[in-house]
Amino acid sequence: MLKLRLTRLGRKKVPFYRIAAMEALSRRDGKAVAYLGTFNPLAEEEKQVVLKEEEILRYLSNGAQPTETVKSILTKAGIWEKFQETKKK
């Protein structure tokens, strides 16, 4: 099963994350199927999250499950609502 989750980059005490589609049983920083965006918790609000919306919606519609953190990022970006609307159709 595929999961949408964060992989950590950056040096000590300066985190930077990539949002990745990965197998559920793989390591946190293991090999990803695809990279779907970035998340920088230390940046100012505008540049904090960069997402590939179409690819994320494609993976979600094919059954990928987001972690709680990724789901909250998608909700703030408005992508989760779009996915819920397409699911209802």
PDB file of N, CA and C in Angstrom:
ATOM      1  N   MET A   1       0.846  -1.171   0.000  1.00  0.00           N
ATOM      2  CA  MET A   1       0.000   0.000   0.000  1.00  0.00           C
ATOM      3  C   MET A   1       0.897   1.241   0.000  1.00  0.00           C
ATOM      4  N   LEU A   2       0.505   2.234  -0.770  1.00  0.00           N
ATOM      5  CA  LEU A   2       1.261   3.482  -0.827  1.00  0.00           C
ATOM      6  C   LEU A   2       0.798   4.447   0.250  1.00  0.00           C
ATOM      7  N   LYS A   3       1.751   5.170   0.800  1.00  0.00           N
ATOM      8  CA  LYS A   3       1.476   6.211   1.784  1.00  0.00           C
ATOM      9  C   LYS A   3       2.057   7.511   1.274  1.00  0.00           C
ATOM     10  N   LEU A   4       1.381   8.607   1.553  1.00  0.00           N
ATOM     11  CA  LEU A   4       1.938   9.932   1.326  1.00  0.00           C
ATOM     12  C   LEU A   4       2.487  10.385   2.664  1.00  0.00           C
ATOM     13  N   ARG A   5       3.809  10.578   2.737  1.00  0.00           N
ATOM     14  CA  ARG A   5       4.416  10.929   4.007  1.00  0.00           C
ATOM     15  C   ARG A   5       5.632  11.816   3.801  1.00  0.00           C
ATOM     16  N   LEU A   6       6.178  12.296   4.911  1.00  0.00           N
ATOM     17  CA  LEU A   6       7.303  13.212   4.866  1.00  0.00           C
ATOM     18  C   LEU A   6       8.625  12.456   4.965  1.00  0.00           C
ATOM     19  N   THR A   7       9.606  12.889   4.189  1.00  0.00           N
ATOM     20  CA  THR A   7      10.974  12.420   4.338  1.00  0.00           C
ATOM     21  C   THR A   7      11.809  13.618   4.748  1.00  0.00           C
ATOM     22  N   ARG A   8      12.721  13.414   5.677  1.00  0.00           N
ATOM     23  CA  ARG A   8      13.461  14.537   6.252  1.00  0.00           C
ATOM     24  C   ARG A   8      14.759  14.783   5.512  1.00  0.00           C
ATOM     25  N   LEU A   9      15.010  16.051   5.259  1.00  0.00           N
ATOM     26  CA  LEU A   9      16.271  16.534   4.713  1.00  0.00           C
ATOM     27  C   LEU A   9      16.747  17.662   5.614  1.00  0.00           C
ATOM     28  N   GLY A  10      17.849  18.265   5.279  1.00  0.00           N
ATOM     29  CA  GLY A  10      18.340  19.381   6.081  1.00  0.00           C
ATOM     30  C   GLY A  10      19.289  18.922   7.154  1.00  0.00           C
ATOM     31  N   ARG A  11      20.019  19.874   7.688  1.00  0.00           N
ATOM     32  CA  ARG A  11      20.988  19.514   8.711  1.00  0.00           C
ATOM     33  C   ARG A  11      20.348  19.540  10.093  1.00  0.00           C
ATOM     34  N   LYS A  12      21.162  19.303  11.099  1.00  0.00           N
ATOM     35  CA  LYS A  12      20.687  19.231  12.473  1.00  0.00           C
ATOM     36  C   LYS A  12      20.041  20.552  12.895  1.00  0.00           C
ATOM     37  N   LYS A  13      18.849  20.460  13.448  1.00  0.00           N
ATOM     38  CA  LYS A  13      18.050  21.582  13.948  1.00  0.00           C
ATOM     39  C   LYS A  13      17.594  22.548  12.858  1.00  0.00           C
ATOM     40  N   VAL A  14      17.739  22.175  11.597  1.00  0.00           N
ATOM     41  CA  VAL A  14      17.227  22.969  10.477  1.00  0.00           C
ATOM     42  C   VAL A  14      16.480  21.999   9.545  1.00  0.00           C
ATOM     43  N   PRO A  15      15.276  21.581   9.926  1.00  0.00           N
ATOM     44  CA  PRO A  15      14.576  20.559   9.150  1.00  0.00           C
ATOM     45  C   PRO A  15      14.015  21.096   7.833  1.00  0.00           C
ATOM     46  N   PHE A  16      13.944  20.206   6.877  1.00  0.00           N
ATOM     47  CA  PHE A  16      13.324  20.454   5.583  1.00  0.00           C
ATOM     48  C   PHE A  16      12.752  19.118   5.144  1.00  0.00           C
ATOM     49  N   TYR A  17      11.530  19.097   4.683  1.00  0.00           N
ATOM     50  CA  TYR A  17      10.862  17.839   4.370  1.00  0.00           C
ATOM     51  C   TYR A  17      10.403  17.808   2.924  1.00  0.00           C
ATOM     52  N   ARG A  18      10.413  16.604   2.344  1.00  0.00           N
ATOM     53  CA  ARG A  18       9.795  16.366   1.050  1.00  0.00           C
ATOM     54  C   ARG A  18       8.575  15.490   1.279  1.00  0.00           C
ATOM     55  N   ILE A  19       7.512  15.783   0.582  1.00  0.00           N
ATOM     56  CA  ILE A  19       6.317  14.948   0.627  1.00  0.00           C
ATOM     57  C   ILE A  19       6.491  13.889  -0.451  1.00  0.00           C
ATOM     58  N   ALA A  20       6.441  12.630  -0.040  1.00  0.00           N
ATOM     59  CA  ALA A  20       6.751  11.535  -0.952  1.00  0.00           C
ATOM     60  C   ALA A  20       5.668  10.471  -0.915  1.00  0.00           C
ATOM     61  N   ALA A  21       5.481   9.814  -2.044  1.00  0.00           N
ATOM     62  CA  ALA A  21       4.641   8.621  -2.122  1.00  0.00           C
ATOM     63  C   ALA A  21       5.579   7.433  -1.956  1.00  0.00           C
ATOM     64  N   MET A  22       5.372   6.642  -0.888  1.00  0.00           N
ATOM     65  CA  MET A  22       6.266   5.531  -0.563  1.00  0.00           C
ATOM     66  C   MET A  22       5.458   4.309  -0.167  1.00  0.00           C
ATOM     67  N   GLU A  23       6.118   3.167  -0.241  1.00  0.00           N
ATOM     68  CA  GLU A  23       5.508   1.955   0.289  1.00  0.00           C
ATOM     69  C   GLU A  23       5.367   2.108   1.805  1.00  0.00           C
ATOM     70  N   ALA A  24       4.306   1.584   2.363  1.00  0.00           N
ATOM     71  CA  ALA A  24       4.012   1.773   3.781  1.00  0.00           C
ATOM     72  C   ALA A  24       5.076   1.174   4.692  1.00  0.00           C
ATOM     73  N   LEU A  25       5.723   0.103   4.276  1.00  0.00           N
ATOM     74  CA  LEU A  25       6.676  -0.579   5.141  1.00  0.00           C
ATOM     75  C   LEU A  25       8.117  -0.128   4.931  1.00  0.00           C
ATOM     76  N   SER A  26       8.354   0.830   4.048  1.00  0.00           N
ATOM     77  CA  SER A  26       9.718   1.283   3.802  1.00  0.00           C
ATOM     78  C   SER A  26      10.175   2.251   4.891  1.00  0.00           C
ATOM     79  N   ARG A  27      11.477   2.499   4.936  1.00  0.00           N
ATOM     80  CA  ARG A  27      12.043   3.408   5.929  1.00  0.00           C
ATOM     81  C   ARG A  27      11.590   4.839   5.679  1.00  0.00           C
ATOM     82  N   ARG A  28      11.729   5.677   6.691  1.00  0.00           N
ATOM     83  CA  ARG A  28      11.312   7.071   6.571  1.00  0.00           C
ATOM     84  C   ARG A  28      12.035   7.775   5.424  1.00  0.00           C
ATOM     85  N   ASP A  29      13.334   7.578   5.335  1.00  0.00           N
ATOM     86  CA  ASP A  29      14.115   8.225   4.293  1.00  0.00           C
ATOM     87  C   ASP A  29      14.514   7.242   3.195  1.00  0.00           C
ATOM     88  N   GLY A  30      13.737   6.197   3.029  1.00  0.00           N
ATOM     89  CA  GLY A  30      14.034   5.192   2.019  1.00  0.00           C
ATOM     90  C   GLY A  30      13.641   5.653   0.629  1.00  0.00           C
ATOM     91  N   LYS A  31      13.644   4.705  -0.290  1.00  0.00           N
ATOM     92  CA  LYS A  31      13.355   5.001  -1.679  1.00  0.00           C
ATOM     93  C   LYS A  31      11.876   5.324  -1.866  1.00  0.00           C
ATOM     94  N   ALA A  32      11.616   6.429  -2.552  1.00  0.00           N
ATOM     95  CA  ALA A  32      10.240   6.869  -2.781  1.00  0.00           C
ATOM     96  C   ALA A  32       9.803   6.520  -4.195  1.00  0.00           C
ATOM     97  N   VAL A  33       8.509   6.318  -4.374  1.00  0.00           N
ATOM     98  CA  VAL A  33       7.946   6.100  -5.694  1.00  0.00           C
ATOM     99  C   VAL A  33       7.944   7.425  -6.453  1.00  0.00           C
ATOM    100  N   ALA A  34       7.551   8.515  -5.754  1.00  0.00           N
ATOM    101  CA  ALA A  34       7.521   9.848  -6.367  1.00  0.00           C
ATOM    102  C   ALA A  34       7.604  10.905  -5.276  1.00  0.00           C
ATOM    103  N   TYR A  35       8.188  12.053  -5.630  1.00  0.00           N
ATOM    104  CA  TYR A  35       8.225  13.200  -4.728  1.00  0.00           C
ATOM    105  C   TYR A  35       7.181  14.196  -5.195  1.00  0.00           C
ATOM    106  N   LEU A  36       6.298  14.580  -4.264  1.00  0.00           N
ATOM    107  CA  LEU A  36       5.119  15.357  -4.629  1.00  0.00           C
ATOM    108  C   LEU A  36       5.126  16.788  -4.112  1.00  0.00           C
ATOM    109  N   GLY A  37       6.154  17.173  -3.405  1.00  0.00           N
ATOM    110  CA  GLY A  37       6.220  18.540  -2.916  1.00  0.00           C
ATOM    111  C   GLY A  37       7.227  18.674  -1.790  1.00  0.00           C
ATOM    112  N   THR A  38       7.287  19.893  -1.246  1.00  0.00           N
ATOM    113  CA  THR A  38       8.208  20.172  -0.149  1.00  0.00           C
ATOM    114  C   THR A  38       7.479  20.916   0.966  1.00  0.00           C
ATOM    115  N   PHE A  39       8.055  20.822   2.163  1.00  0.00           N
ATOM    116  CA  PHE A  39       7.516  21.495   3.340  1.00  0.00           C
ATOM    117  C   PHE A  39       8.685  22.013   4.155  1.00  0.00           C
ATOM    118  N   ASN A  40       8.735  23.330   4.366  1.00  0.00           N
ATOM    119  CA  ASN A  40       9.805  23.948   5.137  1.00  0.00           C
ATOM    120  C   ASN A  40       9.178  24.612   6.363  1.00  0.00           C
ATOM    121  N   PRO A  41       9.248  23.985   7.539  1.00  0.00           N
ATOM    122  CA  PRO A  41       8.586  24.531   8.718  1.00  0.00           C
ATOM    123  C   PRO A  41       9.222  25.817   9.242  1.00  0.00           C
ATOM    124  N   LEU A  42      10.434  26.151   8.823  1.00  0.00           N
ATOM    125  CA  LEU A  42      11.095  27.351   9.319  1.00  0.00           C
ATOM    126  C   LEU A  42      10.972  28.546   8.378  1.00  0.00           C
ATOM    127  N   ALA A  43      10.361  28.366   7.224  1.00  0.00           N
ATOM    128  CA  ALA A  43      10.236  29.455   6.247  1.00  0.00           C
ATOM    129  C   ALA A  43       9.052  30.346   6.591  1.00  0.00           C
ATOM    130  N   GLU A  44       9.015  31.520   5.951  1.00  0.00           N
ATOM    131  CA  GLU A  44       7.853  32.376   6.125  1.00  0.00           C
ATOM    132  C   GLU A  44       6.650  31.724   5.443  1.00  0.00           C
ATOM    133  N   GLU A  45       5.471  32.190   5.744  1.00  0.00           N
ATOM    134  CA  GLU A  45       4.228  31.520   5.353  1.00  0.00           C
ATOM    135  C   GLU A  45       4.105  31.282   3.847  1.00  0.00           C
ATOM    136  N   GLU A  46       4.510  32.224   3.019  1.00  0.00           N
ATOM    137  CA  GLU A  46       4.291  32.092   1.580  1.00  0.00           C
ATOM    138  C   GLU A  46       5.024  30.907   0.980  1.00  0.00           C
ATOM    139  N   LYS A  47       6.268  30.710   1.380  1.00  0.00           N
ATOM    140  CA  LYS A  47       7.108  29.705   0.749  1.00  0.00           C
ATOM    141  C   LYS A  47       7.215  28.431   1.572  1.00  0.00           C
ATOM    142  N   GLN A  48       6.329  28.246   2.516  1.00  0.00           N
ATOM    143  CA  GLN A  48       6.430  27.116   3.429  1.00  0.00           C
ATOM    144  C   GLN A  48       6.114  25.786   2.737  1.00  0.00           C
ATOM    145  N   VAL A  49       5.103  25.764   1.885  1.00  0.00           N
ATOM    146  CA  VAL A  49       4.660  24.523   1.260  1.00  0.00           C
ATOM    147  C   VAL A  49       4.612  24.701  -0.262  1.00  0.00           C
ATOM    148  N   VAL A  50       5.197  23.753  -0.978  1.00  0.00           N
ATOM    149  CA  VAL A  50       5.115  23.704  -2.440  1.00  0.00           C
ATOM    150  C   VAL A  50       4.604  22.312  -2.788  1.00  0.00           C
ATOM    151  N   LEU A  51       3.487  22.240  -3.526  1.00  0.00           N
ATOM    152  CA  LEU A  51       2.858  20.951  -3.809  1.00  0.00           C
ATOM    153  C   LEU A  51       2.598  20.773  -5.297  1.00  0.00           C
ATOM    154  N   LYS A  52       2.682  19.531  -5.759  1.00  0.00           N
ATOM    155  CA  LYS A  52       2.283  19.163  -7.118  1.00  0.00           C
ATOM    156  C   LYS A  52       0.856  18.621  -7.016  1.00  0.00           C
ATOM    157  N   GLU A  53      -0.096  19.516  -7.150  1.00  0.00           N
ATOM    158  CA  GLU A  53      -1.493  19.203  -6.847  1.00  0.00           C
ATOM    159  C   GLU A  53      -2.061  18.075  -7.700  1.00  0.00           C
ATOM    160  N   GLU A  54      -1.832  18.113  -9.006  1.00  0.00           N
ATOM    161  CA  GLU A  54      -2.417  17.096  -9.888  1.00  0.00           C
ATOM    162  C   GLU A  54      -1.898  15.700  -9.567  1.00  0.00           C
ATOM    163  N   GLU A  55      -0.589  15.601  -9.295  1.00  0.00           N
ATOM    164  CA  GLU A  55      -0.023  14.296  -8.974  1.00  0.00           C
ATOM    165  C   GLU A  55      -0.525  13.788  -7.630  1.00  0.00           C
ATOM    166  N   ILE A  56      -0.666  14.685  -6.663  1.00  0.00           N
ATOM    167  CA  ILE A  56      -1.182  14.284  -5.350  1.00  0.00           C
ATOM    168  C   ILE A  56      -2.604  13.755  -5.482  1.00  0.00           C
ATOM    169  N   LEU A  57      -3.447  14.456  -6.238  1.00  0.00           N
ATOM    170  CA  LEU A  57      -4.826  14.000  -6.436  1.00  0.00           C
ATOM    171  C   LEU A  57      -4.858  12.653  -7.152  1.00  0.00           C
ATOM    172  N   ARG A  58      -3.937  12.439  -8.098  1.00  0.00           N
ATOM    173  CA  ARG A  58      -3.886  11.167  -8.811  1.00  0.00           C
ATOM    174  C   ARG A  58      -3.534  10.022  -7.861  1.00  0.00           C
ATOM    175  N   TYR A  59      -2.532  10.236  -7.005  1.00  0.00           N
ATOM    176  CA  TYR A  59      -2.151   9.189  -6.052  1.00  0.00           C
ATOM    177  C   TYR A  59      -3.262   8.929  -5.040  1.00  0.00           C
ATOM    178  N   LEU A  60      -3.926   9.984  -4.564  1.00  0.00           N
ATOM    179  CA  LEU A  60      -5.022   9.795  -3.610  1.00  0.00           C
ATOM    180  C   LEU A  60      -6.178   9.025  -4.244  1.00  0.00           C
ATOM    181  N   SER A  61      -6.499   9.343  -5.493  1.00  0.00           N
ATOM    182  CA  SER A  61      -7.602   8.645  -6.156  1.00  0.00           C
ATOM    183  C   SER A  61      -7.263   7.186  -6.444  1.00  0.00           C
ATOM    184  N   ASN A  62      -5.963   6.866  -6.530  1.00  0.00           N
ATOM    185  CA  ASN A  62      -5.547   5.480  -6.748  1.00  0.00           C
ATOM    186  C   ASN A  62      -5.370   4.707  -5.441  1.00  0.00           C
ATOM    187  N   GLY A  63      -5.671   5.324  -4.299  1.00  0.00           N
ATOM    188  CA  GLY A  63      -5.699   4.592  -3.043  1.00  0.00           C
ATOM    189  C   GLY A  63      -4.574   4.883  -2.071  1.00  0.00           C
ATOM    190  N   ALA A  64      -3.719   5.858  -2.349  1.00  0.00           N
ATOM    191  CA  ALA A  64      -2.653   6.191  -1.412  1.00  0.00           C
ATOM    192  C   ALA A  64      -3.243   6.836  -0.166  1.00  0.00           C
ATOM    193  N   GLN A  65      -2.714   6.490   1.001  1.00  0.00           N
ATOM    194  CA  GLN A  65      -3.206   7.014   2.267  1.00  0.00           C
ATOM    195  C   GLN A  65      -2.219   8.028   2.830  1.00  0.00           C
ATOM    196  N   PRO A  66      -2.667   9.250   3.151  1.00  0.00           N
ATOM    197  CA  PRO A  66      -1.743  10.231   3.743  1.00  0.00           C
ATOM    198  C   PRO A  66      -1.593  10.007   5.245  1.00  0.00           C
ATOM    199  N   THR A  67      -0.419  10.355   5.771  1.00  0.00           N
ATOM    200  CA  THR A  67      -0.239  10.343   7.216  1.00  0.00           C
ATOM    201  C   THR A  67      -0.993  11.538   7.794  1.00  0.00           C
ATOM    202  N   GLU A  68      -1.103  11.613   9.108  1.00  0.00           N
ATOM    203  CA  GLU A  68      -1.838  12.710   9.736  1.00  0.00           C
ATOM    204  C   GLU A  68      -1.223  14.061   9.404  1.00  0.00           C
ATOM    205  N   THR A  69       0.103  14.137   9.421  1.00  0.00           N
ATOM    206  CA  THR A  69       0.787  15.396   9.140  1.00  0.00           C
ATOM    207  C   THR A  69       0.575  15.827   7.697  1.00  0.00           C
ATOM    208  N   VAL A  70       0.713  14.909   6.770  1.00  0.00           N
ATOM    209  CA  VAL A  70       0.514  15.235   5.358  1.00  0.00           C
ATOM    210  C   VAL A  70      -0.943  15.600   5.106  1.00  0.00           C
ATOM    211  N   LYS A  71      -1.858  14.929   5.776  1.00  0.00           N
ATOM    212  CA  LYS A  71      -3.278  15.249   5.610  1.00  0.00           C
ATOM    213  C   LYS A  71      -3.567  16.667   6.083  1.00  0.00           C
ATOM    214  N   SER A  72      -2.950  17.101   7.181  1.00  0.00           N
ATOM    215  CA  SER A  72      -3.162  18.468   7.652  1.00  0.00           C
ATOM    216  C   SER A  72      -2.557  19.480   6.686  1.00  0.00           C
ATOM    217  N   ILE A  73      -1.409  19.158   6.077  1.00  0.00           N
ATOM    218  CA  ILE A  73      -0.810  20.045   5.071  1.00  0.00           C
ATOM    219  C   ILE A  73      -1.729  20.149   3.859  1.00  0.00           C
ATOM    220  N   LEU A  74      -2.278  19.024   3.412  1.00  0.00           N
ATOM    221  CA  LEU A  74      -3.186  19.028   2.260  1.00  0.00           C
ATOM    222  C   LEU A  74      -4.475  19.777   2.566  1.00  0.00           C
ATOM    223  N   THR A  75      -4.961  19.671   3.802  1.00  0.00           N
ATOM    224  CA  THR A  75      -6.173  20.379   4.196  1.00  0.00           C
ATOM    225  C   THR A  75      -5.946  21.886   4.171  1.00  0.00           C
ATOM    226  N   LYS A  76      -4.812  22.336   4.681  1.00  0.00           N
ATOM    227  CA  LYS A  76      -4.505  23.767   4.678  1.00  0.00           C
ATOM    228  C   LYS A  76      -4.330  24.304   3.266  1.00  0.00           C
ATOM    229  N   ALA A  77      -3.834  23.474   2.360  1.00  0.00           N
ATOM    230  CA  ALA A  77      -3.631  23.896   0.969  1.00  0.00           C
ATOM    231  C   ALA A  77      -4.920  23.797   0.148  1.00  0.00           C
ATOM    232  N   GLY A  78      -5.955  23.136   0.675  1.00  0.00           N
ATOM    233  CA  GLY A  78      -7.222  23.003  -0.034  1.00  0.00           C
ATOM    234  C   GLY A  78      -7.297  21.795  -0.947  1.00  0.00           C
ATOM    235  N   ILE A  79      -6.286  20.977  -0.972  1.00  0.00           N
ATOM    236  CA  ILE A  79      -6.258  19.814  -1.861  1.00  0.00           C
ATOM    237  C   ILE A  79      -7.143  18.693  -1.327  1.00  0.00           C
ATOM    238  N   TRP A  80      -7.202  18.543  -0.016  1.00  0.00           N
ATOM    239  CA  TRP A  80      -8.007  17.465   0.575  1.00  0.00           C
ATOM    240  C   TRP A  80      -9.488  17.649   0.258  1.00  0.00           C
ATOM    241  N   GLU A  81      -9.979  18.894   0.274  1.00  0.00           N
ATOM    242  CA  GLU A  81     -11.382  19.150  -0.059  1.00  0.00           C
ATOM    243  C   GLU A  81     -11.672  18.797  -1.517  1.00  0.00           C
ATOM    244  N   LYS A  82     -10.727  19.126  -2.409  1.00  0.00           N
ATOM    245  CA  LYS A  82     -10.904  18.778  -3.824  1.00  0.00           C
ATOM    246  C   LYS A  82     -10.975  17.266  -3.991  1.00  0.00           C
ATOM    247  N   PHE A  83     -10.150  16.549  -3.248  1.00  0.00           N
ATOM    248  CA  PHE A  83     -10.176  15.088  -3.315  1.00  0.00           C
ATOM    249  C   PHE A  83     -11.508  14.550  -2.810  1.00  0.00           C
ATOM    250  N   GLN A  84     -12.015  15.102  -1.715  1.00  0.00           N
ATOM    251  CA  GLN A  84     -13.300  14.645  -1.173  1.00  0.00           C
ATOM    252  C   GLN A  84     -14.442  14.899  -2.156  1.00  0.00           C
ATOM    253  N   GLU A  85     -14.386  16.029  -2.875  1.00  0.00           N
ATOM    254  CA  GLU A  85     -15.419  16.325  -3.868  1.00  0.00           C
ATOM    255  C   GLU A  85     -15.388  15.339  -5.024  1.00  0.00           C
ATOM    256  N   THR A  86     -14.188  15.007  -5.504  1.00  0.00           N
ATOM    257  CA  THR A  86     -14.091  14.061  -6.613  1.00  0.00           C
ATOM    258  C   THR A  86     -14.489  12.659  -6.161  1.00  0.00           C
ATOM    259  N   LYS A  87     -14.302  12.363  -4.891  1.00  0.00           N
ATOM    260  CA  LYS A  87     -14.683  11.046  -4.361  1.00  0.00           C
ATOM    261  C   LYS A  87     -16.194  10.889  -4.312  1.00  0.00           C
ATOM    262  N   LYS A  88     -16.922  11.980  -4.078  1.00  0.00           N
ATOM    263  CA  LYS A  88     -18.370  11.915  -3.970  1.00  0.00           C
ATOM    264  C   LYS A  88     -19.036  11.688  -5.331  1.00  0.00           C
ATOM    265  N   LYS A  89     -18.384  12.093  -6.420  1.00  0.00           N
ATOM    266  CA  LYS A  89     -18.986  11.989  -7.754  1.00  0.00           C
ATOM    267  C   LYS A  89     -19.103  10.571  -8.230  1.00  0.00           C
TER     268      LYS A  89
END
